[in-house]
Amino acid sequence: MSLRHNRGKPPNRYNPDEEGRKPKYPIAHYVSTQGLSKPLKTFTQTLSSCHIPNSVEEALSDPKWAQSMQEELEALKKNNTWKLVPLTEGKKLVGCKWVFSIKYKADGSIERYKARLVAKGFTQTYGVDYLETFSPVAKLNTVRVLLSLAANLD
């Protein structure tokens, strides 16, 4: 069994497009806007002209994206999404990454720049990093029974 020379490194095809702010696949190369109404033409042009950052450094250099990242961090703190605890011996940290997107209004104009900090849960192994999953979801029948009991028993 021979070791691969590129073990642990992704192939070059996964590198982000670093040609600046030029879109890698302009929509005009694939879609004809000839039969579209004026608002839809404007929207398709907006899609190609908007740049979504490929890295945190790139996002922080643009005030719009930096503001979006700041709003996300404030929302996470406000909702008490996590608390800092010491790392237990033998356990590994779950990393995180920023995901950027642009939200549009119905007329095609930009509504807001959205940044989300997401956990890399795919790095965890069942039985090693966690033992069970739990999501508190109430079924509609359960809610109906509780409301019925509350109404009948005052």
N, C-alpha and C. Protein backbone atom coordinates (compact mmCIF):
# COMPACT_ATOMS: atom_id res chain seq x y z
N MET A 1 0.84 -1.17 0.00
CA MET A 1 0.00 0.00 0.00
C MET A 1 0.89 1.24 0.00
N SER A 2 0.80 2.04 -1.04
CA SER A 2 1.65 3.24 -1.14
C SER A 2 0.89 4.46 -0.66
N LEU A 3 1.62 5.40 -0.09
CA LEU A 3 1.01 6.63 0.38
C LEU A 3 0.89 7.61 -0.78
N ARG A 4 -0.23 8.29 -0.84
CA ARG A 4 -0.42 9.29 -1.90
C ARG A 4 0.42 10.52 -1.58
N HIS A 5 1.00 11.12 -2.60
CA HIS A 5 1.84 12.30 -2.39
C HIS A 5 1.02 13.52 -1.99
N ASN A 6 -0.27 13.54 -2.32
CA ASN A 6 -1.11 14.69 -1.98
C ASN A 6 -2.10 14.38 -0.85
N ARG A 7 -1.77 13.43 -0.03
CA ARG A 7 -2.67 13.01 1.04
C ARG A 7 -2.99 14.18 1.97
N GLY A 8 -4.26 14.41 2.20
CA GLY A 8 -4.70 15.46 3.10
C GLY A 8 -4.87 16.81 2.43
N LYS A 9 -4.49 16.94 1.17
CA LYS A 9 -4.65 18.21 0.45
C LYS A 9 -5.71 18.03 -0.63
N PRO A 10 -6.70 18.94 -0.67
CA PRO A 10 -7.71 18.81 -1.72
C PRO A 10 -7.12 19.16 -3.08
N PRO A 11 -7.68 18.61 -4.15
CA PRO A 11 -7.22 18.95 -5.49
C PRO A 11 -7.41 20.44 -5.78
N ASN A 12 -6.65 20.98 -6.72
CA ASN A 12 -6.71 22.39 -7.06
C ASN A 12 -8.08 22.85 -7.51
N ARG A 13 -8.91 21.95 -8.03
CA ARG A 13 -10.22 22.37 -8.53
C ARG A 13 -11.12 22.91 -7.42
N TYR A 14 -10.79 22.65 -6.16
CA TYR A 14 -11.60 23.14 -5.05
C TYR A 14 -11.18 24.52 -4.57
N ASN A 15 -10.11 25.07 -5.10
CA ASN A 15 -9.67 26.40 -4.68
C ASN A 15 -10.67 27.44 -5.14
N PRO A 16 -10.94 28.45 -4.31
CA PRO A 16 -11.88 29.49 -4.73
C PRO A 16 -11.33 30.31 -5.89
N ASP A 17 -12.22 30.87 -6.65
CA ASP A 17 -11.83 31.71 -7.77
C ASP A 17 -11.18 32.98 -7.23
N GLU A 18 -9.92 33.20 -7.55
CA GLU A 18 -9.20 34.34 -7.00
C GLU A 18 -8.90 35.38 -8.06
N GLU A 19 -9.74 35.49 -9.07
CA GLU A 19 -9.53 36.46 -10.13
C GLU A 19 -10.12 37.81 -9.78
N GLY A 20 -10.30 38.11 -8.51
CA GLY A 20 -10.88 39.38 -8.11
C GLY A 20 -12.38 39.25 -7.95
N ARG A 21 -13.09 40.29 -8.30
CA ARG A 21 -14.53 40.32 -8.11
C ARG A 21 -15.30 39.91 -9.36
N LYS A 22 -14.63 39.41 -10.35
CA LYS A 22 -15.28 38.96 -11.57
C LYS A 22 -15.96 37.61 -11.30
N PRO A 23 -17.26 37.49 -11.63
CA PRO A 23 -17.93 36.21 -11.38
C PRO A 23 -17.33 35.09 -12.23
N LYS A 24 -17.24 33.92 -11.65
CA LYS A 24 -16.65 32.78 -12.34
C LYS A 24 -17.53 32.32 -13.51
N TYR A 25 -18.85 32.33 -13.28
CA TYR A 25 -19.79 31.91 -14.31
C TYR A 25 -20.86 33.00 -14.48
N PRO A 26 -20.59 34.02 -15.28
CA PRO A 26 -21.58 35.10 -15.47
C PRO A 26 -22.89 34.54 -16.04
N ILE A 27 -23.99 34.97 -15.47
CA ILE A 27 -25.29 34.44 -15.87
C ILE A 27 -25.60 34.77 -17.32
N ALA A 28 -25.04 35.86 -17.85
CA ALA A 28 -25.29 36.26 -19.24
C ALA A 28 -24.78 35.23 -20.24
N HIS A 29 -23.83 34.38 -19.83
CA HIS A 29 -23.32 33.34 -20.73
C HIS A 29 -24.29 32.18 -20.87
N TYR A 30 -25.28 32.08 -19.98
CA TYR A 30 -26.15 30.91 -19.95
C TYR A 30 -27.63 31.24 -20.12
N VAL A 31 -28.02 32.49 -19.86
CA VAL A 31 -29.42 32.86 -19.89
C VAL A 31 -29.60 34.07 -20.82
N SER A 32 -30.59 33.98 -21.68
CA SER A 32 -30.92 35.12 -22.53
C SER A 32 -31.98 35.95 -21.83
N THR A 33 -31.77 37.24 -21.78
CA THR A 33 -32.72 38.13 -21.11
C THR A 33 -33.65 38.80 -22.11
N GLN A 34 -33.62 38.34 -23.36
CA GLN A 34 -34.37 38.98 -24.43
C GLN A 34 -35.87 39.03 -24.16
N GLY A 35 -36.45 37.95 -23.68
CA GLY A 35 -37.89 37.90 -23.48
C GLY A 35 -38.35 38.32 -22.09
N LEU A 36 -37.44 38.79 -21.25
CA LEU A 36 -37.80 39.15 -19.88
C LEU A 36 -38.27 40.59 -19.78
N SER A 37 -39.08 40.85 -18.78
CA SER A 37 -39.52 42.21 -18.51
C SER A 37 -38.34 43.01 -17.95
N LYS A 38 -38.47 44.31 -17.94
CA LYS A 38 -37.37 45.17 -17.48
C LYS A 38 -36.94 44.87 -16.03
N PRO A 39 -37.89 44.70 -15.08
CA PRO A 39 -37.45 44.37 -13.71
C PRO A 39 -36.68 43.05 -13.63
N LEU A 40 -37.10 42.06 -14.40
CA LEU A 40 -36.39 40.78 -14.37
C LEU A 40 -35.01 40.88 -15.02
N LYS A 41 -34.89 41.70 -16.08
CA LYS A 41 -33.58 41.93 -16.68
C LYS A 41 -32.64 42.57 -15.67
N THR A 42 -33.15 43.55 -14.94
CA THR A 42 -32.35 44.23 -13.92
C THR A 42 -31.91 43.25 -12.84
N PHE A 43 -32.83 42.37 -12.44
CA PHE A 43 -32.52 41.38 -11.41
C PHE A 43 -31.42 40.43 -11.86
N THR A 44 -31.50 39.93 -13.09
CA THR A 44 -30.47 39.00 -13.58
C THR A 44 -29.11 39.69 -13.68
N GLN A 45 -29.10 40.97 -14.03
CA GLN A 45 -27.84 41.70 -14.07
C GLN A 45 -27.29 41.91 -12.66
N THR A 46 -28.18 42.14 -11.71
CA THR A 46 -27.76 42.31 -10.31
C THR A 46 -27.12 41.03 -9.77
N LEU A 47 -27.68 39.88 -10.15
CA LEU A 47 -27.12 38.61 -9.68
C LEU A 47 -25.67 38.45 -10.10
N SER A 48 -25.34 38.84 -11.31
CA SER A 48 -23.96 38.70 -11.80
C SER A 48 -23.04 39.76 -11.23
N SER A 49 -23.58 40.93 -10.91
CA SER A 49 -22.71 42.01 -10.46
C SER A 49 -22.40 41.94 -8.97
N CYS A 50 -23.20 41.22 -8.18
CA CYS A 50 -22.97 41.12 -6.74
C CYS A 50 -21.90 40.07 -6.45
N HIS A 51 -21.01 40.41 -5.55
CA HIS A 51 -19.92 39.50 -5.20
C HIS A 51 -20.12 38.97 -3.78
N ILE A 52 -20.06 37.67 -3.64
CA ILE A 52 -20.13 37.03 -2.32
C ILE A 52 -18.71 36.62 -1.94
N PRO A 53 -18.24 37.04 -0.76
CA PRO A 53 -16.85 36.75 -0.38
C PRO A 53 -16.56 35.26 -0.22
N ASN A 54 -15.31 34.89 -0.51
CA ASN A 54 -14.88 33.51 -0.38
C ASN A 54 -14.14 33.25 0.93
N SER A 55 -13.78 34.30 1.65
CA SER A 55 -13.04 34.13 2.89
C SER A 55 -13.45 35.20 3.89
N VAL A 56 -13.11 34.98 5.15
CA VAL A 56 -13.41 35.93 6.21
C VAL A 56 -12.64 37.23 5.98
N GLU A 57 -11.38 37.10 5.56
CA GLU A 57 -10.56 38.29 5.32
C GLU A 57 -11.18 39.17 4.24
N GLU A 58 -11.66 38.54 3.20
CA GLU A 58 -12.30 39.27 2.10
C GLU A 58 -13.57 39.95 2.58
N ALA A 59 -14.35 39.28 3.42
CA ALA A 59 -15.59 39.84 3.94
C ALA A 59 -15.30 41.02 4.87
N LEU A 60 -14.29 40.89 5.70
CA LEU A 60 -13.97 41.96 6.64
C LEU A 60 -13.46 43.22 5.94
N SER A 61 -12.96 43.08 4.72
CA SER A 61 -12.47 44.25 4.00
C SER A 61 -13.61 45.08 3.41
N ASP A 62 -14.81 44.52 3.36
CA ASP A 62 -15.99 45.23 2.85
C ASP A 62 -16.88 45.61 4.03
N PRO A 63 -17.17 46.91 4.24
CA PRO A 63 -17.97 47.33 5.40
C PRO A 63 -19.36 46.69 5.47
N LYS A 64 -19.99 46.41 4.32
CA LYS A 64 -21.33 45.80 4.33
C LYS A 64 -21.28 44.40 4.93
N TRP A 65 -20.29 43.61 4.52
CA TRP A 65 -20.17 42.24 5.03
C TRP A 65 -19.69 42.25 6.47
N ALA A 66 -18.79 43.17 6.83
CA ALA A 66 -18.31 43.26 8.21
C ALA A 66 -19.47 43.59 9.15
N GLN A 67 -20.36 44.49 8.71
CA GLN A 67 -21.54 44.84 9.52
C GLN A 67 -22.46 43.63 9.68
N SER A 68 -22.62 42.86 8.61
CA SER A 68 -23.46 41.66 8.67
C SER A 68 -22.88 40.64 9.65
N MET A 69 -21.56 40.47 9.64
CA MET A 69 -20.90 39.54 10.56
C MET A 69 -21.08 40.01 12.00
N GLN A 70 -20.96 41.31 12.22
CA GLN A 70 -21.13 41.88 13.56
C GLN A 70 -22.55 41.65 14.07
N GLU A 71 -23.55 41.83 13.20
CA GLU A 71 -24.94 41.60 13.59
C GLU A 71 -25.18 40.14 13.96
N GLU A 72 -24.57 39.22 13.22
CA GLU A 72 -24.70 37.79 13.52
C GLU A 72 -24.10 37.46 14.89
N LEU A 73 -22.92 38.00 15.17
CA LEU A 73 -22.28 37.74 16.47
C LEU A 73 -23.11 38.31 17.62
N GLU A 74 -23.68 39.50 17.43
CA GLU A 74 -24.53 40.10 18.47
C GLU A 74 -25.78 39.26 18.70
N ALA A 75 -26.38 38.73 17.62
CA ALA A 75 -27.57 37.89 17.76
C ALA A 75 -27.23 36.60 18.51
N LEU A 76 -26.08 36.01 18.21
CA LEU A 76 -25.67 34.79 18.91
C LEU A 76 -25.46 35.05 20.40
N LYS A 77 -24.85 36.19 20.74
CA LYS A 77 -24.65 36.54 22.16
C LYS A 77 -25.98 36.81 22.84
N LYS A 78 -26.86 37.56 22.18
CA LYS A 78 -28.16 37.93 22.75
C LYS A 78 -29.00 36.68 23.06
N ASN A 79 -28.94 35.68 22.18
CA ASN A 79 -29.74 34.46 22.35
C ASN A 79 -29.06 33.42 23.24
N ASN A 80 -27.92 33.74 23.81
CA ASN A 80 -27.16 32.79 24.63
C ASN A 80 -26.99 31.45 23.90
N THR A 81 -26.51 31.54 22.67
CA THR A 81 -26.38 30.36 21.82
C THR A 81 -25.37 29.38 22.39
N TRP A 82 -24.31 29.87 23.02
CA TRP A 82 -23.30 28.99 23.57
C TRP A 82 -22.72 29.60 24.83
N LYS A 83 -21.97 28.80 25.56
CA LYS A 83 -21.21 29.29 26.70
C LYS A 83 -19.83 28.68 26.62
N LEU A 84 -18.84 29.44 27.05
CA LEU A 84 -17.46 28.97 27.01
C LEU A 84 -17.20 28.05 28.19
N VAL A 85 -16.67 26.89 27.91
CA VAL A 85 -16.31 25.92 28.94
C VAL A 85 -14.93 25.38 28.61
N PRO A 86 -14.21 24.90 29.62
CA PRO A 86 -12.90 24.31 29.32
C PRO A 86 -13.06 23.02 28.51
N LEU A 87 -12.12 22.78 27.62
CA LEU A 87 -12.16 21.58 26.78
C LEU A 87 -11.81 20.36 27.62
N THR A 88 -12.70 19.38 27.61
CA THR A 88 -12.48 18.13 28.33
C THR A 88 -11.34 17.37 27.68
N GLU A 89 -10.51 16.76 28.51
CA GLU A 89 -9.38 16.01 27.98
C GLU A 89 -9.87 14.84 27.11
N GLY A 90 -9.23 14.65 25.99
CA GLY A 90 -9.60 13.58 25.08
C GLY A 90 -10.68 13.97 24.07
N LYS A 91 -11.23 15.15 24.19
CA LYS A 91 -12.25 15.62 23.26
C LYS A 91 -11.64 16.63 22.31
N LYS A 92 -12.25 16.79 21.14
CA LYS A 92 -11.74 17.76 20.18
C LYS A 92 -12.77 18.87 19.97
N LEU A 93 -12.27 20.02 19.57
CA LEU A 93 -13.14 21.16 19.32
C LEU A 93 -13.92 20.98 18.02
N VAL A 94 -15.12 21.53 18.00
CA VAL A 94 -15.89 21.58 16.77
C VAL A 94 -15.64 22.95 16.17
N GLY A 95 -15.09 22.98 14.97
CA GLY A 95 -14.78 24.24 14.32
C GLY A 95 -16.04 24.91 13.80
N CYS A 96 -15.85 26.08 13.23
CA CYS A 96 -16.96 26.80 12.64
C CYS A 96 -16.47 27.53 11.39
N LYS A 97 -17.42 27.97 10.59
CA LYS A 97 -17.06 28.73 9.41
C LYS A 97 -18.17 29.74 9.11
N TRP A 98 -17.81 30.77 8.37
CA TRP A 98 -18.77 31.79 7.97
C TRP A 98 -19.36 31.43 6.61
N VAL A 99 -20.68 31.57 6.49
CA VAL A 99 -21.38 31.36 5.23
C VAL A 99 -22.04 32.69 4.86
N PHE A 100 -21.76 33.16 3.65
CA PHE A 100 -22.25 34.46 3.21
C PHE A 100 -23.28 34.29 2.10
N SER A 101 -24.33 35.13 2.13
CA SER A 101 -25.32 35.12 1.06
C SER A 101 -25.95 36.51 0.97
N ILE A 102 -26.60 36.76 -0.14
CA ILE A 102 -27.28 38.04 -0.36
C ILE A 102 -28.77 37.74 -0.47
N LYS A 103 -29.57 38.48 0.29
CA LYS A 103 -31.03 38.32 0.25
C LYS A 103 -31.60 39.45 -0.60
N TYR A 104 -32.53 39.08 -1.49
CA TYR A 104 -33.11 40.04 -2.42
C TYR A 104 -34.57 40.30 -2.10
N LYS A 105 -35.03 41.51 -2.41
CA LYS A 105 -36.45 41.85 -2.30
C LYS A 105 -37.17 41.28 -3.52
N ALA A 106 -38.50 41.36 -3.52
CA ALA A 106 -39.29 40.84 -4.63
C ALA A 106 -39.01 41.58 -5.93
N ASP A 107 -38.63 42.86 -5.84
CA ASP A 107 -38.36 43.63 -7.06
C ASP A 107 -36.95 43.41 -7.59
N GLY A 108 -36.14 42.58 -6.91
CA GLY A 108 -34.80 42.27 -7.39
C GLY A 108 -33.71 43.10 -6.74
N SER A 109 -34.07 44.11 -5.97
CA SER A 109 -33.04 44.91 -5.30
C SER A 109 -32.54 44.16 -4.07
N ILE A 110 -31.37 44.55 -3.61
CA ILE A 110 -30.75 43.86 -2.47
C ILE A 110 -31.45 44.27 -1.18
N GLU A 111 -31.92 43.26 -0.45
CA GLU A 111 -32.56 43.53 0.85
C GLU A 111 -31.50 43.66 1.94
N ARG A 112 -30.59 42.66 1.99
CA ARG A 112 -29.53 42.71 2.99
C ARG A 112 -28.43 41.70 2.67
N TYR A 113 -27.31 41.92 3.30
CA TYR A 113 -26.18 41.00 3.21
C TYR A 113 -26.24 40.12 4.44
N LYS A 114 -26.22 38.82 4.25
CA LYS A 114 -26.44 37.90 5.37
C LYS A 114 -25.19 37.06 5.60
N ALA A 115 -24.73 37.04 6.84
CA ALA A 115 -23.59 36.23 7.24
C ALA A 115 -24.04 35.31 8.36
N ARG A 116 -23.70 34.05 8.27
CA ARG A 116 -24.06 33.08 9.31
C ARG A 116 -22.81 32.36 9.76
N LEU A 117 -22.67 32.19 11.07
CA LEU A 117 -21.59 31.41 11.64
C LEU A 117 -22.14 30.02 11.92
N VAL A 118 -21.62 29.02 11.24
CA VAL A 118 -22.15 27.67 11.37
C VAL A 118 -21.08 26.72 11.92
N ALA A 119 -21.53 25.76 12.71
CA ALA A 119 -20.63 24.77 13.28
C ALA A 119 -20.33 23.68 12.26
N LYS A 120 -19.12 23.17 12.31
CA LYS A 120 -18.73 22.06 11.43
C LYS A 120 -19.04 20.74 12.14
N GLY A 121 -20.34 20.45 12.25
CA GLY A 121 -20.77 19.25 12.96
C GLY A 121 -20.34 17.97 12.30
N PHE A 122 -20.00 18.02 11.02
CA PHE A 122 -19.59 16.82 10.30
C PHE A 122 -18.25 16.29 10.79
N THR A 123 -17.54 17.07 11.63
CA THR A 123 -16.26 16.60 12.15
C THR A 123 -16.43 15.73 13.38
N GLN A 124 -17.66 15.63 13.90
CA GLN A 124 -17.91 14.84 15.09
C GLN A 124 -18.19 13.38 14.74
N THR A 125 -17.87 12.51 15.68
CA THR A 125 -18.09 11.07 15.49
C THR A 125 -19.04 10.58 16.58
N TYR A 126 -20.11 9.88 16.16
CA TYR A 126 -21.07 9.35 17.12
C TYR A 126 -20.38 8.36 18.05
N GLY A 127 -20.64 8.48 19.33
CA GLY A 127 -20.04 7.59 20.32
C GLY A 127 -18.71 8.10 20.85
N VAL A 128 -18.07 9.01 20.13
CA VAL A 128 -16.80 9.58 20.57
C VAL A 128 -17.01 11.01 21.05
N ASP A 129 -17.58 11.85 20.17
CA ASP A 129 -17.79 13.26 20.50
C ASP A 129 -19.18 13.54 21.06
N TYR A 130 -20.13 12.69 20.77
CA TYR A 130 -21.47 12.85 21.33
C TYR A 130 -22.12 11.48 21.42
N LEU A 131 -23.12 11.36 22.30
CA LEU A 131 -23.77 10.07 22.50
C LEU A 131 -25.21 10.05 22.03
N GLU A 132 -25.84 11.21 22.00
CA GLU A 132 -27.22 11.25 21.56
C GLU A 132 -27.53 12.62 20.98
N THR A 133 -28.59 12.69 20.21
CA THR A 133 -29.06 13.98 19.71
C THR A 133 -30.44 14.23 20.28
N PHE A 134 -30.73 15.48 20.53
CA PHE A 134 -32.01 15.82 21.12
C PHE A 134 -32.49 17.14 20.53
N SER A 135 -33.71 17.18 20.09
CA SER A 135 -34.32 18.39 19.59
C SER A 135 -35.71 18.49 20.19
N PRO A 136 -35.95 19.47 21.05
CA PRO A 136 -37.25 19.56 21.72
C PRO A 136 -38.34 20.02 20.75
N VAL A 137 -39.10 19.08 20.23
CA VAL A 137 -40.17 19.38 19.29
C VAL A 137 -41.47 18.84 19.86
N ALA A 138 -42.47 19.70 19.95
CA ALA A 138 -43.78 19.27 20.46
C ALA A 138 -44.67 18.90 19.29
N LYS A 139 -45.29 17.73 19.37
CA LYS A 139 -46.23 17.32 18.33
C LYS A 139 -47.55 18.06 18.55
N LEU A 140 -48.27 18.30 17.45
CA LEU A 140 -49.51 19.04 17.53
C LEU A 140 -50.52 18.33 18.44
N ASN A 141 -50.56 17.00 18.41
CA ASN A 141 -51.49 16.26 19.28
C ASN A 141 -51.18 16.52 20.76
N THR A 142 -49.91 16.59 21.11
CA THR A 142 -49.52 16.86 22.49
C THR A 142 -49.99 18.24 22.92
N VAL A 143 -49.82 19.22 22.07
CA VAL A 143 -50.27 20.59 22.38
C VAL A 143 -51.78 20.61 22.56
N ARG A 144 -52.51 19.90 21.70
CA ARG A 144 -53.98 19.85 21.82
C ARG A 144 -54.42 19.23 23.14
N VAL A 145 -53.77 18.16 23.57
CA VAL A 145 -54.10 17.50 24.84
C VAL A 145 -53.84 18.46 26.00
N LEU A 146 -52.70 19.15 25.98
CA LEU A 146 -52.40 20.09 27.06
C LEU A 146 -53.39 21.24 27.11
N LEU A 147 -53.77 21.76 25.96
CA LEU A 147 -54.77 22.85 25.93
C LEU A 147 -56.12 22.36 26.40
N SER A 148 -56.48 21.13 26.03
CA SER A 148 -57.75 20.56 26.47
C SER A 148 -57.76 20.39 27.98
N LEU A 149 -56.66 19.85 28.53
CA LEU A 149 -56.57 19.67 29.97
C LEU A 149 -56.63 21.04 30.70
N ALA A 150 -55.94 22.01 30.16
CA ALA A 150 -55.94 23.33 30.80
C ALA A 150 -57.36 23.94 30.77
N ALA A 151 -58.07 23.79 29.66
CA ALA A 151 -59.42 24.33 29.55
C ALA A 151 -60.40 23.59 30.46
N ASN A 152 -60.29 22.25 30.54
CA ASN A 152 -61.22 21.46 31.34
C ASN A 152 -60.94 21.56 32.84
N LEU A 153 -59.70 21.77 33.22
CA LEU A 153 -59.36 21.80 34.64
C LEU A 153 -59.13 23.22 35.16
N ASP A 154 -59.51 24.19 34.35
CA ASP A 154 -59.31 25.60 34.71
C ASP A 154 -57.88 25.89 35.06
